[in-house]
């Protein structure tokens, strides 16, 4: 299986998350994890360029907000 590759970029009015198939599966697993009933409101994950995201990406925070 390929290495997950995810890139996040955008402007003031639009954000794009581009990924290969493995990267999309990785994001889906992270989102499913945030939906776990045992996690509390406010739980979040930071994804950063050069670490979890491709170089040149803007940072991305995935957050559970049960008030929405």
Protein backbone atom coordinates (compact mmCIF):
# COMPACT_ATOMS: atom_id res chain seq x y z
CA UNK A 1 0.00 0.00 0.00
CA UNK A 2 1.20 3.52 -0.76
CA UNK A 3 2.31 5.97 1.90
CA UNK A 4 -0.49 8.37 2.89
CA UNK A 5 -0.04 11.76 1.23
CA UNK A 6 -2.27 14.65 2.26
CA UNK A 7 -1.97 18.30 1.29
CA UNK A 8 -4.06 21.15 2.70
CA UNK A 9 -4.14 24.54 1.02
CA UNK A 10 -6.54 27.37 0.47
CA UNK A 11 -7.53 30.98 0.59
CA UNK A 12 -9.68 33.11 2.85
CA UNK A 13 -12.82 31.66 1.26
CA UNK A 14 -11.96 28.07 0.36
CA UNK A 15 -9.91 25.21 1.81
CA UNK A 16 -8.85 22.18 -0.23
CA UNK A 17 -7.78 18.85 1.22
CA UNK A 18 -6.13 16.75 -1.51
CA UNK A 19 -4.92 13.23 -0.84
CA UNK A 20 -4.04 9.96 -2.46
CA UNK A 21 -6.28 6.96 -1.71
CA UNK A 22 -4.19 5.94 1.30
CA UNK A 23 -4.27 9.50 2.64
CA UNK A 24 -8.05 9.63 2.27
CA UNK A 25 -8.34 6.38 4.25
CA UNK A 26 -6.05 7.85 6.92
CA UNK A 27 -8.26 10.95 7.23
CA UNK A 28 -11.39 8.78 7.35
CA UNK A 29 -9.92 6.70 10.19
CA UNK A 30 -9.02 9.87 12.11
CA UNK A 31 -12.56 11.23 11.68
CA UNK A 32 -14.11 7.91 12.74
CA UNK A 33 -11.86 7.96 15.79
CA UNK A 34 -13.12 11.43 16.72
CA UNK A 35 -16.68 10.10 16.51
CA UNK A 36 -15.97 7.41 19.12
CA UNK A 37 -18.65 7.72 21.85
CA UNK A 38 -15.99 7.40 24.55
CA UNK A 39 -14.21 10.60 23.49
CA UNK A 40 -15.23 13.88 25.04
CA UNK A 41 -16.23 17.17 23.49
CA UNK A 42 -13.18 19.22 22.59
CA UNK A 43 -10.93 16.29 21.70
CA UNK A 44 -8.85 17.24 18.69
CA UNK A 45 -5.90 16.32 16.49
CA UNK A 46 -3.37 18.65 14.90
CA UNK A 47 -1.97 17.80 11.48
CA UNK A 48 1.01 19.86 10.37
CA UNK A 49 2.93 20.39 7.14
CA UNK A 50 6.04 18.26 6.95
CA UNK A 51 4.80 16.00 9.77
CA UNK A 52 1.36 14.48 9.02
CA UNK A 53 0.81 16.56 5.89
CA UNK A 54 2.88 17.21 2.79
CA UNK A 55 5.40 20.04 2.86
CA UNK A 56 3.78 23.35 1.97
CA UNK A 57 0.48 22.42 3.60
CA UNK A 58 -1.28 24.72 6.01
CA UNK A 59 -2.01 23.19 9.41
CA UNK A 60 -5.29 21.37 9.93
CA UNK A 61 -7.11 20.76 13.19
CA UNK A 62 -9.78 18.05 13.38
CA UNK A 63 -11.95 18.73 16.42
CA UNK A 64 -14.93 17.11 18.04
CA UNK A 65 -17.52 19.73 18.98
CA UNK A 66 -20.67 18.24 20.45
CA UNK A 67 -22.25 21.70 20.73
CA UNK A 68 -22.69 21.88 16.97
